[in-house]
Amino acid sequence: LCVEAEVGGGDAIAREVHERWTQQHGRWHGVAKAEIRAHPAIDAYRR
């Protein structure tokens, strides 16, 4: 699937991206590799 999109201001994007990466770090930091690879989506792409 594909879509075209406009890119806005770099600083505003960077601030929000930092916040979202921080959230994902909390979700995944320290998780075992086996658990990561067993996630249904990651398993689908591995297959």
All heavy atoms as atom14 arrays in JSON, in Angstrom:
{
  "sequence": "LCVEAEVGGGDAIAREVHERWTQQHGRWHGVAKAEIRAHPAIDAYRR",
  "atom14_mask": [
    [1, 1, 1, 1, 1, 1, 1, 1, 0, 0, 0, 0, 0, 0],
    [1, 1, 1, 1, 1, 1, 0, 0, 0, 0, 0, 0, 0, 0],
    [1, 1, 1, 1, 1, 1, 1, 0, 0, 0, 0, 0, 0, 0],
    [1, 1, 1, 1, 1, 1, 1, 1, 1, 0, 0, 0, 0, 0],
    [1, 1, 1, 1, 1, 0, 0, 0, 0, 0, 0, 0, 0, 0],
    [1, 1, 1, 1, 1, 1, 1, 1, 1, 0, 0, 0, 0, 0],
    [1, 1, 1, 1, 1, 1, 1, 0, 0, 0, 0, 0, 0, 0],
    [1, 1, 1, 1, 0, 0, 0, 0, 0, 0, 0, 0, 0, 0],
    [1, 1, 1, 1, 0, 0, 0, 0, 0, 0, 0, 0, 0, 0],
    [1, 1, 1, 1, 0, 0, 0, 0, 0, 0, 0, 0, 0, 0],
    [1, 1, 1, 1, 1, 1, 1, 1, 0, 0, 0, 0, 0, 0],
    [1, 1, 1, 1, 1, 0, 0, 0, 0, 0, 0, 0, 0, 0],
    [1, 1, 1, 1, 1, 1, 1, 1, 0, 0, 0, 0, 0, 0],
    [1, 1, 1, 1, 1, 0, 0, 0, 0, 0, 0, 0, 0, 0],
    [1, 1, 1, 1, 1, 1, 1, 1, 1, 1, 1, 0, 0, 0],
    [1, 1, 1, 1, 1, 1, 1, 1, 1, 0, 0, 0, 0, 0],
    [1, 1, 1, 1, 1, 1, 1, 0, 0, 0, 0, 0, 0, 0],
    [1, 1, 1, 1, 1, 1, 1, 1, 1, 1, 0, 0, 0, 0],
    [1, 1, 1, 1, 1, 1, 1, 1, 1, 0, 0, 0, 0, 0],
    [1, 1, 1, 1, 1, 1, 1, 1, 1, 1, 1, 0, 0, 0],
    [1, 1, 1, 1, 1, 1, 1, 1, 1, 1, 1, 1, 1, 1],
    [1, 1, 1, 1, 1, 1, 1, 0, 0, 0, 0, 0, 0, 0],
    [1, 1, 1, 1, 1, 1, 1, 1, 1, 0, 0, 0, 0, 0],
    [1, 1, 1, 1, 1, 1, 1, 1, 1, 0, 0, 0, 0, 0],
    [1, 1, 1, 1, 1, 1, 1, 1, 1, 1, 0, 0, 0, 0],
    [1, 1, 1, 1, 0, 0, 0, 0, 0, 0, 0, 0, 0, 0],
    [1, 1, 1, 1, 1, 1, 1, 1, 1, 1, 1, 0, 0, 0],
    [1, 1, 1, 1, 1, 1, 1, 1, 1, 1, 1, 1, 1, 1],
    [1, 1, 1, 1, 1, 1, 1, 1, 1, 1, 0, 0, 0, 0],
    [1, 1, 1, 1, 0, 0, 0, 0, 0, 0, 0, 0, 0, 0],
    [1, 1, 1, 1, 1, 1, 1, 0, 0, 0, 0, 0, 0, 0],
    [1, 1, 1, 1, 1, 0, 0, 0, 0, 0, 0, 0, 0, 0],
    [1, 1, 1, 1, 1, 1, 1, 1, 1, 0, 0, 0, 0, 0],
    [1, 1, 1, 1, 1, 0, 0, 0, 0, 0, 0, 0, 0, 0],
    [1, 1, 1, 1, 1, 1, 1, 1, 1, 0, 0, 0, 0, 0],
    [1, 1, 1, 1, 1, 1, 1, 1, 0, 0, 0, 0, 0, 0],
    [1, 1, 1, 1, 1, 1, 1, 1, 1, 1, 1, 0, 0, 0],
    [1, 1, 1, 1, 1, 0, 0, 0, 0, 0, 0, 0, 0, 0],
    [1, 1, 1, 1, 1, 1, 1, 1, 1, 1, 0, 0, 0, 0],
    [1, 1, 1, 1, 1, 1, 1, 0, 0, 0, 0, 0, 0, 0],
    [1, 1, 1, 1, 1, 0, 0, 0, 0, 0, 0, 0, 0, 0],
    [1, 1, 1, 1, 1, 1, 1, 1, 0, 0, 0, 0, 0, 0],
    [1, 1, 1, 1, 1, 1, 1, 1, 0, 0, 0, 0, 0, 0],
    [1, 1, 1, 1, 1, 0, 0, 0, 0, 0, 0, 0, 0, 0],
    [1, 1, 1, 1, 1, 1, 1, 1, 1, 1, 1, 1, 0, 0],
    [1, 1, 1, 1, 1, 1, 1, 1, 1, 1, 1, 0, 0, 0],
    [1, 1, 1, 1, 1, 1, 1, 1, 1, 1, 1, 0, 0, 0]
  ],
  "atom14_positions": [
    [[0.85, -1.18, 0.0], [0.0, 0.0, 0.0], [0.89, 1.24, 0.0], [2.0, 1.22, 0.53], [-0.91, 0.02, 1.23], [-1.8, -1.2, 1.47], [-2.77, -0.91, 2.61], [-2.54, -1.61, 0.22], [0.0, 0.0, 0.0], [0.0, 0.0, 0.0], [0.0, 0.0, 0.0], [0.0, 0.0, 0.0], [0.0, 0.0, 0.0], [0.0, 0.0, 0.0]],
    [[0.39, 2.31, -0.59], [1.22, 3.51, -0.66], [0.34, 4.76, -0.62], [-0.84, 4.73, -0.98], [2.09, 3.51, -1.91], [1.19, 3.36, -3.47], [0.0, 0.0, 0.0], [0.0, 0.0, 0.0], [0.0, 0.0, 0.0], [0.0, 0.0, 0.0], [0.0, 0.0, 0.0], [0.0, 0.0, 0.0], [0.0, 0.0, 0.0], [0.0, 0.0, 0.0]],
    [[0.95, 5.84, -0.19], [0.28, 7.14, -0.13], [1.36, 8.21, -0.21], [2.48, 8.01, 0.25], [-0.55, 7.27, 1.17], [0.34, 7.35, 2.4], [-1.49, 8.46, 1.11], [0.0, 0.0, 0.0], [0.0, 0.0, 0.0], [0.0, 0.0, 0.0], [0.0, 0.0, 0.0], [0.0, 0.0, 0.0], [0.0, 0.0, 0.0], [0.0, 0.0, 0.0]],
    [[1.04, 9.33, -0.82], [1.96, 10.46, -0.82], [1.59, 11.41, 0.31], [0.41, 11.58, 0.64], [1.94, 11.19, -2.16], [2.64, 10.4, -3.27], [3.04, 11.27, -4.44], [2.78, 12.49, -4.41], [3.61, 10.73, -5.4], [0.0, 0.0, 0.0], [0.0, 0.0, 0.0], [0.0, 0.0, 0.0], [0.0, 0.0, 0.0], [0.0, 0.0, 0.0]],
    [[2.61, 12.03, 0.91], [2.38, 12.92, 2.04], [3.35, 14.09, 1.98], [4.46, 13.98, 1.46], [2.56, 12.16, 3.35], [0.0, 0.0, 0.0], [0.0, 0.0, 0.0], [0.0, 0.0, 0.0], [0.0, 0.0, 0.0], [0.0, 0.0, 0.0], [0.0, 0.0, 0.0], [0.0, 0.0, 0.0], [0.0, 0.0, 0.0], [0.0, 0.0, 0.0]],
    [[2.9, 15.21, 2.54], [3.75, 16.39, 2.66], [4.56, 16.31, 3.96], [4.09, 15.77, 4.96], [2.88, 17.66, 2.69], [2.02, 17.86, 1.46], [2.83, 18.22, 0.22], [4.01, 18.64, 0.38], [2.29, 18.07, -0.89], [0.0, 0.0, 0.0], [0.0, 0.0, 0.0], [0.0, 0.0, 0.0], [0.0, 0.0, 0.0], [0.0, 0.0, 0.0]],
    [[5.76, 16.85, 3.91], [6.63, 16.9, 5.09], [6.57, 18.31, 5.67], [6.79, 19.29, 4.96], [8.08, 16.52, 4.73], [8.98, 16.62, 5.97], [8.12, 15.12, 4.14], [0.0, 0.0, 0.0], [0.0, 0.0, 0.0], [0.0, 0.0, 0.0], [0.0, 0.0, 0.0], [0.0, 0.0, 0.0], [0.0, 0.0, 0.0], [0.0, 0.0, 0.0]],
    [[6.28, 18.4, 6.96], [6.15, 19.71, 7.6], [7.47, 20.2, 8.16], [8.54, 20.03, 7.56], [0.0, 0.0, 0.0], [0.0, 0.0, 0.0], [0.0, 0.0, 0.0], [0.0, 0.0, 0.0], [0.0, 0.0, 0.0], [0.0, 0.0, 0.0], [0.0, 0.0, 0.0], [0.0, 0.0, 0.0], [0.0, 0.0, 0.0], [0.0, 0.0, 0.0]],
    [[7.42, 20.8, 9.35], [8.62, 21.39, 9.96], [9.47, 20.37, 10.67], [8.97, 19.57, 11.48], [0.0, 0.0, 0.0], [0.0, 0.0, 0.0], [0.0, 0.0, 0.0], [0.0, 0.0, 0.0], [0.0, 0.0, 0.0], [0.0, 0.0, 0.0], [0.0, 0.0, 0.0], [0.0, 0.0, 0.0], [0.0, 0.0, 0.0], [0.0, 0.0, 0.0]],
    [[10.76, 20.39, 10.4], [11.67, 19.4, 10.96], [11.72, 19.42, 12.48], [11.75, 18.37, 13.12], [0.0, 0.0, 0.0], [0.0, 0.0, 0.0], [0.0, 0.0, 0.0], [0.0, 0.0, 0.0], [0.0, 0.0, 0.0], [0.0, 0.0, 0.0], [0.0, 0.0, 0.0], [0.0, 0.0, 0.0], [0.0, 0.0, 0.0], [0.0, 0.0, 0.0]],
    [[11.74, 20.61, 13.11], [11.85, 20.68, 14.56], [10.63, 20.09, 15.24], [10.74, 19.37, 16.24], [12.05, 22.14, 15.0], [13.43, 22.68, 14.63], [14.31, 21.85, 14.31], [13.59, 23.91, 14.64], [0.0, 0.0, 0.0], [0.0, 0.0, 0.0], [0.0, 0.0, 0.0], [0.0, 0.0, 0.0], [0.0, 0.0, 0.0], [0.0, 0.0, 0.0]],
    [[9.45, 20.41, 14.72], [8.22, 19.88, 15.32], [8.16, 18.37, 15.19], [7.78, 17.66, 16.14], [7.0, 20.52, 14.66], [0.0, 0.0, 0.0], [0.0, 0.0, 0.0], [0.0, 0.0, 0.0], [0.0, 0.0, 0.0], [0.0, 0.0, 0.0], [0.0, 0.0, 0.0], [0.0, 0.0, 0.0], [0.0, 0.0, 0.0], [0.0, 0.0, 0.0]],
    [[8.55, 17.86, 14.04], [8.57, 16.42, 13.84], [9.58, 15.78, 14.77], [9.29, 14.77, 15.43], [8.9, 16.08, 12.37], [7.79, 16.57, 11.44], [9.09, 14.57, 12.2], [8.14, 16.48, 9.97], [0.0, 0.0, 0.0], [0.0, 0.0, 0.0], [0.0, 0.0, 0.0], [0.0, 0.0, 0.0], [0.0, 0.0, 0.0], [0.0, 0.0, 0.0]],
    [[10.76, 16.36, 14.87], [11.82, 15.77, 15.7], [11.4, 15.68, 17.16], [11.69, 14.68, 17.83], [13.1, 16.59, 15.56], [0.0, 0.0, 0.0], [0.0, 0.0, 0.0], [0.0, 0.0, 0.0], [0.0, 0.0, 0.0], [0.0, 0.0, 0.0], [0.0, 0.0, 0.0], [0.0, 0.0, 0.0], [0.0, 0.0, 0.0], [0.0, 0.0, 0.0]],
    [[10.72, 16.7, 17.67], [10.28, 16.66, 19.06], [9.28, 15.54, 19.3], [9.38, 14.8, 20.29], [9.66, 18.01, 19.45], [10.68, 19.14, 19.62], [10.04, 20.34, 20.29], [8.99, 20.93, 19.46], [9.21, 21.89, 18.56], [10.43, 22.35, 18.35], [8.2, 22.4, 17.86], [0.0, 0.0, 0.0], [0.0, 0.0, 0.0], [0.0, 0.0, 0.0]],
    [[8.31, 15.41, 18.4], [7.31, 14.35, 18.57], [7.92, 12.97, 18.37], [7.58, 12.03, 19.09], [6.16, 14.57, 17.57], [5.04, 13.53, 17.68], [4.3, 13.56, 19.0], [4.35, 14.6, 19.7], [3.68, 12.53, 19.35], [0.0, 0.0, 0.0], [0.0, 0.0, 0.0], [0.0, 0.0, 0.0], [0.0, 0.0, 0.0], [0.0, 0.0, 0.0]],
    [[8.83, 12.86, 17.43], [9.51, 11.58, 17.19], [10.28, 11.16, 18.44], [10.26, 9.98, 18.84], [10.44, 11.68, 15.97], [11.42, 10.51, 15.92], [9.62, 11.71, 14.69], [0.0, 0.0, 0.0], [0.0, 0.0, 0.0], [0.0, 0.0, 0.0], [0.0, 0.0, 0.0], [0.0, 0.0, 0.0], [0.0, 0.0, 0.0], [0.0, 0.0, 0.0]],
    [[10.97, 12.11, 19.07], [11.72, 11.79, 20.3], [10.78, 11.24, 21.37], [11.11, 10.25, 22.06], [12.44, 13.04, 20.8], [13.32, 12.77, 22.0], [12.82, 12.76, 23.28], [14.65, 12.49, 22.09], [13.8, 12.5, 24.14], [14.91, 12.33, 23.44], [0.0, 0.0, 0.0], [0.0, 0.0, 0.0], [0.0, 0.0, 0.0], [0.0, 0.0, 0.0]],
    [[9.62, 11.87, 21.53], [8.66, 11.4, 22.53], [8.18, 9.98, 22.2], [8.08, 9.12, 23.1], [7.47, 12.36, 22.59], [6.36, 11.94, 23.52], [6.8, 11.85, 24.98], [7.72, 12.6, 25.37], [6.22, 11.03, 25.72], [0.0, 0.0, 0.0], [0.0, 0.0, 0.0], [0.0, 0.0, 0.0], [0.0, 0.0, 0.0], [0.0, 0.0, 0.0]],
    [[7.92, 9.72, 20.95], [7.4, 8.4, 20.56], [8.48, 7.33, 20.67], [8.2, 6.19, 21.07], [6.81, 8.45, 19.15], [5.6, 9.37, 19.07], [4.88, 9.27, 17.74], [3.86, 10.29, 17.63], [2.92, 10.33, 16.69], [2.89, 9.37, 15.77], [2.03, 11.3, 16.64], [0.0, 0.0, 0.0], [0.0, 0.0, 0.0], [0.0, 0.0, 0.0]],
    [[9.73, 7.68, 20.33], [10.82, 6.71, 20.53], [10.99, 6.41, 22.02], [11.27, 5.27, 22.4], [12.12, 7.24, 19.95], [12.39, 6.91, 18.52], [12.67, 7.8, 17.52], [12.42, 5.62, 17.89], [12.87, 7.14, 16.33], [12.72, 5.8, 16.53], [12.21, 4.32, 18.37], [12.83, 4.74, 15.63], [12.31, 3.26, 17.48], [12.61, 3.48, 16.13]],
    [[10.83, 7.42, 22.86], [10.93, 7.2, 24.3], [9.89, 6.2, 24.77], [10.17, 5.3, 25.58], [10.78, 8.54, 25.05], [11.82, 9.44, 24.64], [10.86, 8.34, 26.56], [0.0, 0.0, 0.0], [0.0, 0.0, 0.0], [0.0, 0.0, 0.0], [0.0, 0.0, 0.0], [0.0, 0.0, 0.0], [0.0, 0.0, 0.0], [0.0, 0.0, 0.0]],
    [[8.67, 6.33, 24.24], [7.6, 5.38, 24.59], [7.96, 3.96, 24.13], [7.77, 2.99, 24.87], [6.29, 5.83, 23.95], [5.73, 7.13, 24.5], [4.55, 7.63, 23.68], [4.1, 7.0, 22.72], [4.04, 8.81, 24.05], [0.0, 0.0, 0.0], [0.0, 0.0, 0.0], [0.0, 0.0, 0.0], [0.0, 0.0, 0.0], [0.0, 0.0, 0.0]],
    [[8.49, 3.85, 22.93], [8.84, 2.52, 22.41], [10.03, 1.93, 23.15], [10.13, 0.71, 23.32], [9.11, 2.59, 20.91], [7.88, 2.93, 20.08], [6.72, 2.01, 20.38], [6.86, 0.78, 20.43], [5.54, 2.59, 20.59], [0.0, 0.0, 0.0], [0.0, 0.0, 0.0], [0.0, 0.0, 0.0], [0.0, 0.0, 0.0], [0.0, 0.0, 0.0]],
    [[10.95, 2.78, 23.6], [12.07, 2.28, 24.4], [11.54, 1.64, 25.69], [12.0, 0.57, 26.1], [13.04, 3.43, 24.72], [14.28, 2.99, 25.43], [14.37, 2.93, 26.8], [15.5, 2.57, 24.94], [15.57, 2.51, 27.14], [16.27, 2.3, 26.05], [0.0, 0.0, 0.0], [0.0, 0.0, 0.0], [0.0, 0.0, 0.0], [0.0, 0.0, 0.0]],
    [[10.56, 2.29, 26.32], [9.96, 1.73, 27.51], [9.26, 0.41, 27.25], [9.22, -0.47, 28.12], [0.0, 0.0, 0.0], [0.0, 0.0, 0.0], [0.0, 0.0, 0.0], [0.0, 0.0, 0.0], [0.0, 0.0, 0.0], [0.0, 0.0, 0.0], [0.0, 0.0, 0.0], [0.0, 0.0, 0.0], [0.0, 0.0, 0.0], [0.0, 0.0, 0.0]],
    [[8.73, 0.27, 26.06], [8.01, -0.96, 25.7], [8.96, -2.12, 25.44], [8.65, -3.27, 25.81], [7.16, -0.69, 24.45], [6.43, -1.9, 23.87], [5.75, -1.53, 22.57], [5.05, -2.64, 21.97], [4.51, -2.64, 20.74], [4.6, -1.53, 20.0], [3.89, -3.69, 20.26], [0.0, 0.0, 0.0], [0.0, 0.0, 0.0], [0.0, 0.0, 0.0]],
    [[10.11, -1.85, 24.83], [10.96, -2.94, 24.32], [12.3, -3.1, 25.04], [12.96, -4.13, 24.86], [11.23, -2.71, 22.83], [10.03, -2.88, 21.97], [9.33, -1.88, 21.33], [9.37, -4.09, 21.64], [8.27, -2.4, 20.63], [8.28, -3.76, 20.8], [9.58, -5.43, 21.96], [7.42, -4.72, 20.28], [8.72, -6.4, 21.46], [7.65, -6.04, 20.63]],
    [[12.71, -2.14, 25.83], [14.02, -2.25, 26.46], [14.06, -3.44, 27.42], [13.2, -3.6, 28.28], [14.35, -0.97, 27.23], [15.76, -0.95, 27.76], [16.85, -0.89, 26.95], [16.23, -1.0, 29.04], [17.95, -0.89, 27.68], [17.6, -0.96, 28.94], [0.0, 0.0, 0.0], [0.0, 0.0, 0.0], [0.0, 0.0, 0.0], [0.0, 0.0, 0.0]],
    [[15.07, -4.28, 27.25], [15.26, -5.44, 28.11], [14.44, -6.66, 27.75], [14.57, -7.71, 28.4], [0.0, 0.0, 0.0], [0.0, 0.0, 0.0], [0.0, 0.0, 0.0], [0.0, 0.0, 0.0], [0.0, 0.0, 0.0], [0.0, 0.0, 0.0], [0.0, 0.0, 0.0], [0.0, 0.0, 0.0], [0.0, 0.0, 0.0], [0.0, 0.0, 0.0]],
    [[13.61, -6.57, 26.72], [12.79, -7.72, 26.31], [13.68, -8.77, 25.65], [14.58, -8.44, 24.87], [11.67, -7.26, 25.35], [10.88, -8.45, 24.84], [10.75, -6.28, 26.06], [0.0, 0.0, 0.0], [0.0, 0.0, 0.0], [0.0, 0.0, 0.0], [0.0, 0.0, 0.0], [0.0, 0.0, 0.0], [0.0, 0.0, 0.0], [0.0, 0.0, 0.0]],
    [[13.45, -10.02, 25.95], [14.26, -11.11, 25.4], [14.08, -11.21, 23.89], [12.98, -10.96, 23.37], [13.88, -12.43, 26.05], [0.0, 0.0, 0.0], [0.0, 0.0, 0.0], [0.0, 0.0, 0.0], [0.0, 0.0, 0.0], [0.0, 0.0, 0.0], [0.0, 0.0, 0.0], [0.0, 0.0, 0.0], [0.0, 0.0, 0.0], [0.0, 0.0, 0.0]],
    [[15.14, -11.6, 23.19], [15.06, -11.76, 21.74], [13.97, -12.74, 21.35], [13.25, -12.52, 20.36], [16.4, -12.22, 21.19], [17.45, -11.14, 21.05], [18.67, -11.67, 20.31], [19.7, -10.57, 20.09], [20.89, -11.09, 19.35], [0.0, 0.0, 0.0], [0.0, 0.0, 0.0], [0.0, 0.0, 0.0], [0.0, 0.0, 0.0], [0.0, 0.0, 0.0]],
    [[13.84, -13.81, 22.09], [12.83, -14.82, 21.75], [11.43, -14.23, 21.8], [10.57, -14.55, 20.97], [12.94, -16.01, 22.69], [0.0, 0.0, 0.0], [0.0, 0.0, 0.0], [0.0, 0.0, 0.0], [0.0, 0.0, 0.0], [0.0, 0.0, 0.0], [0.0, 0.0, 0.0], [0.0, 0.0, 0.0], [0.0, 0.0, 0.0], [0.0, 0.0, 0.0]],
    [[11.18, -13.36, 22.77], [9.86, -12.73, 22.88], [9.62, -11.76, 21.72], [8.52, -11.69, 21.18], [9.75, -12.0, 24.21], [8.38, -11.38, 24.45], [8.25, -10.73, 25.81], [9.08, -11.02, 26.68], [7.31, -9.92, 26.0], [0.0, 0.0, 0.0], [0.0, 0.0, 0.0], [0.0, 0.0, 0.0], [0.0, 0.0, 0.0], [0.0, 0.0, 0.0]],
    [[10.67, -11.02, 21.35], [10.55, -10.11, 20.21], [10.21, -10.88, 18.96], [9.29, -10.53, 18.21], [11.85, -9.31, 20.03], [12.06, -8.34, 21.21], [11.83, -8.53, 18.71], [13.43, -7.71, 21.27], [0.0, 0.0, 0.0], [0.0, 0.0, 0.0], [0.0, 0.0, 0.0], [0.0, 0.0, 0.0], [0.0, 0.0, 0.0], [0.0, 0.0, 0.0]],
    [[10.94, -11.94, 18.69], [10.76, -12.71, 17.46], [9.45, -13.48, 17.43], [8.99, -13.86, 16.36], [11.96, -13.63, 17.25], [13.25, -12.84, 17.09], [14.48, -13.69, 16.94], [15.68, -12.84, 16.93], [16.88, -13.24, 16.58], [17.08, -14.49, 16.22], [17.9, -12.4, 16.61], [0.0, 0.0, 0.0], [0.0, 0.0, 0.0], [0.0, 0.0, 0.0]],
    [[8.87, -13.7, 18.62], [7.58, -14.39, 18.68], [6.4, -13.44, 18.51], [5.26, -13.91, 18.37], [7.46, -15.12, 20.02], [0.0, 0.0, 0.0], [0.0, 0.0, 0.0], [0.0, 0.0, 0.0], [0.0, 0.0, 0.0], [0.0, 0.0, 0.0], [0.0, 0.0, 0.0], [0.0, 0.0, 0.0], [0.0, 0.0, 0.0], [0.0, 0.0, 0.0]],
    [[6.65, -12.12, 18.5], [5.55, -11.18, 18.27], [4.9, -11.52, 16.94], [5.58, -11.76, 15.94], [6.08, -9.75, 18.25], [5.01, -8.72, 18.18], [4.31, -8.46, 17.01], [4.49, -7.88, 19.13], [3.42, -7.51, 17.25], [3.52, -7.15, 18.51], [0.0, 0.0, 0.0], [0.0, 0.0, 0.0], [0.0, 0.0, 0.0], [0.0, 0.0, 0.0]],
    [[3.57, -11.58, 16.87], [2.9, -12.04, 15.65], [3.32, -11.28, 14.39], [3.49, -11.89, 13.33], [1.42, -11.82, 15.96], [1.33, -11.93, 17.44], [2.6, -11.34, 17.97], [0.0, 0.0, 0.0], [0.0, 0.0, 0.0], [0.0, 0.0, 0.0], [0.0, 0.0, 0.0], [0.0, 0.0, 0.0], [0.0, 0.0, 0.0], [0.0, 0.0, 0.0]],
    [[3.51, -9.97, 14.47], [3.88, -9.2, 13.29], [5.32, -9.51, 12.87], [5.6, -9.71, 11.68], [3.72, -7.71, 13.55], [0.0, 0.0, 0.0], [0.0, 0.0, 0.0], [0.0, 0.0, 0.0], [0.0, 0.0, 0.0], [0.0, 0.0, 0.0], [0.0, 0.0, 0.0], [0.0, 0.0, 0.0], [0.0, 0.0, 0.0], [0.0, 0.0, 0.0]],
    [[6.23, -9.54, 13.84], [7.62, -9.84, 13.5], [7.73, -11.26, 12.97], [8.46, -11.52, 12.0], [8.52, -9.61, 14.72], [8.6, -8.1, 15.01], [9.92, -10.19, 14.49], [9.4, -7.73, 16.23], [0.0, 0.0, 0.0], [0.0, 0.0, 0.0], [0.0, 0.0, 0.0], [0.0, 0.0, 0.0], [0.0, 0.0, 0.0], [0.0, 0.0, 0.0]],
    [[6.99, -12.18, 13.57], [6.99, -13.55, 13.07], [6.48, -13.61, 11.63], [7.0, -14.37, 10.8], [6.13, -14.44, 13.98], [6.07, -15.88, 13.5], [7.13, -16.54, 13.48], [4.98, -16.34, 13.13], [0.0, 0.0, 0.0], [0.0, 0.0, 0.0], [0.0, 0.0, 0.0], [0.0, 0.0, 0.0], [0.0, 0.0, 0.0], [0.0, 0.0, 0.0]],
    [[5.46, -12.8, 11.31], [4.92, -12.79, 9.94], [5.98, -12.32, 8.95], [6.15, -12.92, 7.87], [3.7, -11.87, 9.87], [0.0, 0.0, 0.0], [0.0, 0.0, 0.0], [0.0, 0.0, 0.0], [0.0, 0.0, 0.0], [0.0, 0.0, 0.0], [0.0, 0.0, 0.0], [0.0, 0.0, 0.0], [0.0, 0.0, 0.0], [0.0, 0.0, 0.0]],
    [[6.71, -11.26, 9.3], [7.75, -10.77, 8.39], [8.95, -11.72, 8.34], [9.6, -11.83, 7.28], [8.19, -9.37, 8.81], [7.15, -8.31, 8.5], [6.59, -7.54, 9.52], [6.72, -8.08, 7.2], [5.64, -6.57, 9.24], [5.77, -7.12, 6.91], [5.22, -6.37, 7.94], [4.28, -5.41, 7.66], [0.0, 0.0, 0.0], [0.0, 0.0, 0.0]],
    [[9.25, -12.42, 9.42], [10.32, -13.42, 9.39], [9.94, -14.58, 8.47], [10.78, -15.08, 7.7], [10.62, -13.92, 10.81], [11.4, -12.92, 11.66], [11.53, -13.4, 13.1], [12.24, -14.67, 13.19], [13.57, -14.79, 13.22], [14.34, -13.71, 13.13], [14.12, -15.98, 13.33], [0.0, 0.0, 0.0], [0.0, 0.0, 0.0], [0.0, 0.0, 0.0]],
    [[8.69, -15.0, 8.52], [8.25, -16.07, 7.63], [8.32, -15.62, 6.17], [8.73, -16.39, 5.29], [6.82, -16.51, 7.99], [6.75, -17.35, 9.26], [5.37, -17.91, 9.52], [4.47, -16.93, 10.1], [3.46, -16.34, 9.48], [3.2, -16.65, 8.22], [2.69, -15.47, 10.11], [0.0, 0.0, 0.0], [0.0, 0.0, 0.0], [0.0, 0.0, 0.0]]
  ]
}
